Amino acid sequence: MPVAARLAVTPLYINSYLLIDQELPAGVKHEANAWVAVGNDVGYIIGITLGGLLIASNDYSSALTGAGLAGVLLIAVALRALSRSVVGSPNAGLAATVEQEDVPAT
């Protein structure tokens, strides 16, 4: 596995678990933590299955193209979901509304 691909895994898990701890009520944190692992496993299963089918039916270049397109699609879906959740959250635009009185004048 390329080093660049492995570098994204740790921040992904750290942010997932921190988000769960910060945003969810205590009664559902256990289940939410389990769903992070389930989502990871399901993603691996789907990716390996589709990649294997593409390689078996065509060649490696079509599998790489398919993986690239799937990655672009997932990024687009994630960005759209993030933009919706940020706009609807009570902390939306918090960075833009921070008071400037604590910043010394230059």
N, C-alpha and C. Protein backbone atom coordinates (compact mmCIF):
# COMPACT_ATOMS: atom_id res chain seq x y z
N MET A 1 0.85 -1.18 0.00
CA MET A 1 0.00 0.00 0.00
C MET A 1 0.90 1.24 0.00
N PRO A 2 0.60 2.18 -0.85
CA PRO A 2 1.41 3.40 -0.90
C PRO A 2 1.34 4.17 0.42
N VAL A 3 2.42 4.84 0.73
CA VAL A 3 2.50 5.60 1.98
C VAL A 3 1.44 6.69 2.02
N ALA A 4 1.19 7.34 0.91
CA ALA A 4 0.21 8.44 0.88
C ALA A 4 -1.18 7.95 1.25
N ALA A 5 -1.53 6.74 0.83
CA ALA A 5 -2.85 6.20 1.18
C ALA A 5 -2.94 5.91 2.67
N ARG A 6 -1.86 5.45 3.26
CA ARG A 6 -1.88 5.14 4.70
C ARG A 6 -1.91 6.40 5.54
N LEU A 7 -1.38 7.50 5.04
CA LEU A 7 -1.35 8.73 5.82
C LEU A 7 -2.75 9.28 6.09
N ALA A 8 -3.70 8.97 5.24
CA ALA A 8 -5.06 9.49 5.41
C ALA A 8 -5.87 8.69 6.41
N VAL A 9 -5.46 7.49 6.73
CA VAL A 9 -6.27 6.62 7.58
C VAL A 9 -6.30 7.12 9.02
N THR A 10 -5.16 7.44 9.59
CA THR A 10 -5.12 7.85 10.99
C THR A 10 -5.91 9.13 11.25
N PRO A 11 -5.73 10.19 10.47
CA PRO A 11 -6.56 11.39 10.71
C PRO A 11 -8.05 11.12 10.51
N LEU A 12 -8.37 10.23 9.59
CA LEU A 12 -9.78 9.90 9.37
C LEU A 12 -10.40 9.29 10.62
N TYR A 13 -9.71 8.32 11.20
CA TYR A 13 -10.22 7.69 12.42
C TYR A 13 -10.21 8.65 13.60
N ILE A 14 -9.16 9.42 13.74
CA ILE A 14 -9.10 10.37 14.85
C ILE A 14 -10.27 11.35 14.77
N ASN A 15 -10.49 11.91 13.60
CA ASN A 15 -11.59 12.87 13.45
C ASN A 15 -12.95 12.22 13.62
N SER A 16 -13.09 11.00 13.16
CA SER A 16 -14.37 10.29 13.32
C SER A 16 -14.71 10.11 14.79
N TYR A 17 -13.74 9.61 15.55
CA TYR A 17 -14.00 9.36 16.96
C TYR A 17 -14.14 10.66 17.77
N LEU A 18 -13.37 11.68 17.42
CA LEU A 18 -13.52 12.97 18.11
C LEU A 18 -14.88 13.59 17.81
N LEU A 19 -15.33 13.48 16.58
CA LEU A 19 -16.64 14.00 16.23
C LEU A 19 -17.75 13.27 16.98
N ILE A 20 -17.61 11.96 17.10
CA ILE A 20 -18.59 11.19 17.86
C ILE A 20 -18.60 11.64 19.31
N ASP A 21 -17.42 11.78 19.92
CA ASP A 21 -17.35 12.19 21.31
C ASP A 21 -17.90 13.59 21.54
N GLN A 22 -17.71 14.46 20.57
CA GLN A 22 -18.11 15.85 20.73
C GLN A 22 -19.59 16.07 20.44
N GLU A 23 -20.13 15.41 19.44
CA GLU A 23 -21.45 15.77 18.94
C GLU A 23 -22.60 14.87 19.38
N LEU A 24 -22.31 13.65 19.81
CA LEU A 24 -23.39 12.71 20.10
C LEU A 24 -23.64 12.58 21.59
N PRO A 25 -24.89 12.29 21.96
CA PRO A 25 -25.19 12.06 23.38
C PRO A 25 -24.52 10.78 23.89
N ALA A 26 -24.30 10.70 25.19
CA ALA A 26 -23.56 9.59 25.78
C ALA A 26 -24.22 8.24 25.50
N GLY A 27 -25.53 8.19 25.38
CA GLY A 27 -26.23 6.93 25.20
C GLY A 27 -26.00 6.25 23.87
N VAL A 28 -25.53 6.98 22.88
CA VAL A 28 -25.34 6.38 21.54
C VAL A 28 -23.88 6.35 21.09
N LYS A 29 -22.97 6.79 21.94
CA LYS A 29 -21.56 6.84 21.53
C LYS A 29 -20.99 5.45 21.26
N HIS A 30 -21.37 4.47 22.06
CA HIS A 30 -20.87 3.11 21.86
C HIS A 30 -21.27 2.59 20.48
N GLU A 31 -22.54 2.76 20.16
CA GLU A 31 -23.03 2.28 18.87
C GLU A 31 -22.40 3.06 17.72
N ALA A 32 -22.24 4.35 17.88
CA ALA A 32 -21.63 5.17 16.82
C ALA A 32 -20.19 4.76 16.57
N ASN A 33 -19.45 4.46 17.64
CA ASN A 33 -18.08 3.99 17.47
C ASN A 33 -18.04 2.67 16.72
N ALA A 34 -19.00 1.82 16.97
CA ALA A 34 -19.06 0.54 16.24
C ALA A 34 -19.36 0.77 14.76
N TRP A 35 -20.21 1.75 14.47
CA TRP A 35 -20.55 2.02 13.07
C TRP A 35 -19.37 2.55 12.27
N VAL A 36 -18.43 3.22 12.93
CA VAL A 36 -17.22 3.67 12.23
C VAL A 36 -16.46 2.45 11.70
N ALA A 37 -16.30 1.45 12.55
CA ALA A 37 -15.60 0.23 12.13
C ALA A 37 -16.39 -0.53 11.07
N VAL A 38 -17.70 -0.59 11.22
CA VAL A 38 -18.54 -1.28 10.24
C VAL A 38 -18.45 -0.58 8.89
N GLY A 39 -18.50 0.74 8.89
CA GLY A 39 -18.38 1.48 7.63
C GLY A 39 -17.06 1.23 6.95
N ASN A 40 -16.00 1.14 7.73
CA ASN A 40 -14.68 0.85 7.18
C ASN A 40 -14.66 -0.54 6.55
N ASP A 41 -15.19 -1.52 7.27
CA ASP A 41 -15.20 -2.90 6.76
C ASP A 41 -16.05 -3.03 5.50
N VAL A 42 -17.21 -2.39 5.49
CA VAL A 42 -18.08 -2.45 4.31
C VAL A 42 -17.40 -1.78 3.12
N GLY A 43 -16.72 -0.67 3.37
CA GLY A 43 -15.99 -0.01 2.29
C GLY A 43 -14.90 -0.89 1.70
N TYR A 44 -14.16 -1.58 2.57
CA TYR A 44 -13.15 -2.52 2.08
C TYR A 44 -13.78 -3.64 1.25
N ILE A 45 -14.87 -4.20 1.76
CA ILE A 45 -15.53 -5.30 1.05
C ILE A 45 -16.00 -4.86 -0.32
N ILE A 46 -16.66 -3.72 -0.39
CA ILE A 46 -17.16 -3.23 -1.69
C ILE A 46 -16.00 -2.91 -2.62
N GLY A 47 -14.99 -2.25 -2.11
CA GLY A 47 -13.84 -1.89 -2.95
C GLY A 47 -13.10 -3.10 -3.49
N ILE A 48 -12.86 -4.07 -2.63
CA ILE A 48 -12.15 -5.28 -3.06
C ILE A 48 -12.98 -6.06 -4.07
N THR A 49 -14.28 -6.16 -3.82
CA THR A 49 -15.15 -6.90 -4.74
C THR A 49 -15.20 -6.24 -6.11
N LEU A 50 -15.45 -4.94 -6.14
CA LEU A 50 -15.54 -4.25 -7.42
C LEU A 50 -14.20 -4.23 -8.15
N GLY A 51 -13.12 -4.02 -7.40
CA GLY A 51 -11.80 -4.04 -8.02
C GLY A 51 -11.47 -5.40 -8.60
N GLY A 52 -11.80 -6.46 -7.86
CA GLY A 52 -11.56 -7.81 -8.37
C GLY A 52 -12.38 -8.12 -9.61
N LEU A 53 -13.63 -7.68 -9.61
CA LEU A 53 -14.48 -7.90 -10.80
C LEU A 53 -13.95 -7.13 -12.01
N LEU A 54 -13.51 -5.90 -11.80
CA LEU A 54 -12.97 -5.13 -12.91
C LEU A 54 -11.69 -5.75 -13.46
N ILE A 55 -10.83 -6.19 -12.58
CA ILE A 55 -9.57 -6.80 -13.03
C ILE A 55 -9.85 -8.11 -13.76
N ALA A 56 -10.78 -8.90 -13.23
CA ALA A 56 -11.09 -10.19 -13.85
C ALA A 56 -11.73 -10.02 -15.22
N SER A 57 -12.54 -8.98 -15.38
CA SER A 57 -13.23 -8.81 -16.66
C SER A 57 -12.44 -8.01 -17.67
N ASN A 58 -11.52 -7.17 -17.25
CA ASN A 58 -10.77 -6.32 -18.16
C ASN A 58 -9.27 -6.42 -17.88
N ASP A 59 -8.70 -5.36 -17.46
CA ASP A 59 -7.30 -5.34 -17.11
C ASP A 59 -7.07 -4.35 -15.97
N TYR A 60 -5.83 -4.20 -15.58
CA TYR A 60 -5.52 -3.33 -14.44
C TYR A 60 -5.85 -1.87 -14.70
N SER A 61 -5.68 -1.41 -15.92
CA SER A 61 -5.93 0.01 -16.18
C SER A 61 -7.40 0.37 -15.98
N SER A 62 -8.30 -0.52 -16.35
CA SER A 62 -9.72 -0.22 -16.14
C SER A 62 -10.05 -0.24 -14.65
N ALA A 63 -9.39 -1.11 -13.89
CA ALA A 63 -9.62 -1.14 -12.45
C ALA A 63 -9.13 0.14 -11.79
N LEU A 64 -7.97 0.63 -12.23
CA LEU A 64 -7.46 1.87 -11.68
C LEU A 64 -8.33 3.06 -12.05
N THR A 65 -8.83 3.06 -13.29
CA THR A 65 -9.75 4.12 -13.72
C THR A 65 -11.03 4.08 -12.89
N GLY A 66 -11.56 2.89 -12.69
CA GLY A 66 -12.77 2.74 -11.88
C GLY A 66 -12.55 3.18 -10.45
N ALA A 67 -11.40 2.84 -9.89
CA ALA A 67 -11.10 3.26 -8.52
C ALA A 67 -10.97 4.77 -8.43
N GLY A 68 -10.34 5.36 -9.43
CA GLY A 68 -10.21 6.82 -9.44
C GLY A 68 -11.55 7.52 -9.54
N LEU A 69 -12.42 7.01 -10.41
CA LEU A 69 -13.75 7.59 -10.55
C LEU A 69 -14.57 7.42 -9.28
N ALA A 70 -14.46 6.25 -8.66
CA ALA A 70 -15.18 6.03 -7.40
C ALA A 70 -14.67 6.97 -6.32
N GLY A 71 -13.36 7.20 -6.28
CA GLY A 71 -12.80 8.13 -5.31
C GLY A 71 -13.29 9.55 -5.52
N VAL A 72 -13.33 9.99 -6.76
CA VAL A 72 -13.83 11.33 -7.07
C VAL A 72 -15.30 11.45 -6.69
N LEU A 73 -16.08 10.43 -6.98
CA LEU A 73 -17.50 10.43 -6.63
C LEU A 73 -17.68 10.50 -5.11
N LEU A 74 -16.92 9.70 -4.37
CA LEU A 74 -17.03 9.71 -2.91
C LEU A 74 -16.61 11.05 -2.32
N ILE A 75 -15.59 11.65 -2.88
CA ILE A 75 -15.16 12.97 -2.39
C ILE A 75 -16.25 14.00 -2.65
N ALA A 76 -16.87 13.95 -3.83
CA ALA A 76 -17.94 14.89 -4.14
C ALA A 76 -19.13 14.71 -3.20
N VAL A 77 -19.49 13.47 -2.92
CA VAL A 77 -20.61 13.20 -2.01
C VAL A 77 -20.26 13.68 -0.59
N ALA A 78 -19.03 13.41 -0.15
CA ALA A 78 -18.62 13.82 1.19
C ALA A 78 -18.60 15.34 1.32
N LEU A 79 -18.09 16.03 0.32
CA LEU A 79 -18.06 17.49 0.37
C LEU A 79 -19.46 18.08 0.38
N ARG A 80 -20.34 17.49 -0.39
CA ARG A 80 -21.73 17.97 -0.39
C ARG A 80 -22.38 17.74 0.97
N ALA A 81 -22.15 16.57 1.55
CA ALA A 81 -22.72 16.28 2.87
C ALA A 81 -22.13 17.21 3.93
N LEU A 82 -20.83 17.46 3.85
CA LEU A 82 -20.20 18.36 4.81
C LEU A 82 -20.73 19.78 4.68
N SER A 83 -20.92 20.23 3.45
CA SER A 83 -21.43 21.59 3.27
C SER A 83 -22.85 21.72 3.81
N ARG A 84 -23.64 20.67 3.67
CA ARG A 84 -25.00 20.71 4.21
C ARG A 84 -24.98 20.68 5.73
N SER A 85 -24.12 19.84 6.32
CA SER A 85 -24.10 19.74 7.78
C SER A 85 -23.53 21.00 8.40
N VAL A 86 -22.57 21.64 7.76
CA VAL A 86 -21.99 22.86 8.31
C VAL A 86 -22.99 23.99 8.25
N VAL A 87 -23.73 24.10 7.16
CA VAL A 87 -24.70 25.17 7.02
C VAL A 87 -25.83 25.00 8.03
N GLY A 88 -26.22 23.77 8.31
CA GLY A 88 -27.33 23.53 9.22
C GLY A 88 -26.93 23.44 10.68
N SER A 89 -25.65 23.45 10.99
CA SER A 89 -25.23 23.27 12.38
C SER A 89 -25.34 24.60 13.14
N PRO A 90 -25.50 24.49 14.46
CA PRO A 90 -25.58 25.72 15.25
C PRO A 90 -24.28 26.50 15.27
N ASN A 91 -23.15 25.86 14.97
CA ASN A 91 -21.86 26.53 14.96
C ASN A 91 -21.45 26.97 13.56
N ALA A 92 -22.37 26.93 12.62
CA ALA A 92 -22.05 27.30 11.24
C ALA A 92 -21.58 28.75 11.19
N GLY A 93 -20.50 28.94 10.49
CA GLY A 93 -19.99 30.29 10.32
C GLY A 93 -19.36 30.87 11.56
N LEU A 94 -19.01 30.02 12.52
CA LEU A 94 -18.46 30.50 13.77
C LEU A 94 -17.16 31.27 13.54
N ALA A 95 -16.33 30.77 12.64
CA ALA A 95 -15.06 31.46 12.38
C ALA A 95 -15.28 32.84 11.79
N ALA A 96 -16.35 33.00 11.04
CA ALA A 96 -16.62 34.29 10.41
C ALA A 96 -17.22 35.29 11.39
N THR A 97 -17.80 34.79 12.50
CA THR A 97 -18.47 35.70 13.42
C THR A 97 -17.70 35.93 14.70
N VAL A 98 -16.45 35.49 14.76
CA VAL A 98 -15.63 35.70 15.95
C VAL A 98 -15.40 37.19 16.13
N GLU A 99 -15.54 37.62 17.35
CA GLU A 99 -15.34 39.03 17.64
C GLU A 99 -13.88 39.41 17.41
N GLN A 100 -13.65 40.56 16.88
CA GLN A 100 -12.30 41.02 16.58
C GLN A 100 -11.73 41.89 17.69
N GLU A 101 -12.41 42.02 18.81
CA GLU A 101 -11.91 42.89 19.87
C GLU A 101 -10.71 42.33 20.59
N ASP A 102 -10.47 41.01 20.53
CA ASP A 102 -9.31 40.42 21.18
C ASP A 102 -8.03 40.59 20.37
N VAL A 103 -8.17 40.99 19.12
CA VAL A 103 -7.00 41.15 18.24
C VAL A 103 -6.46 42.56 18.40
N PRO A 104 -5.19 42.68 18.75
CA PRO A 104 -4.64 44.04 18.91
C PRO A 104 -4.59 44.78 17.57
N ALA A 105 -4.86 46.05 17.62
CA ALA A 105 -4.83 46.87 16.40
C ALA A 105 -3.39 47.09 15.99
N THR A 106 -3.15 47.10 14.68
CA THR A 106 -1.79 47.32 14.18
C THR A 106 -1.69 48.65 13.48
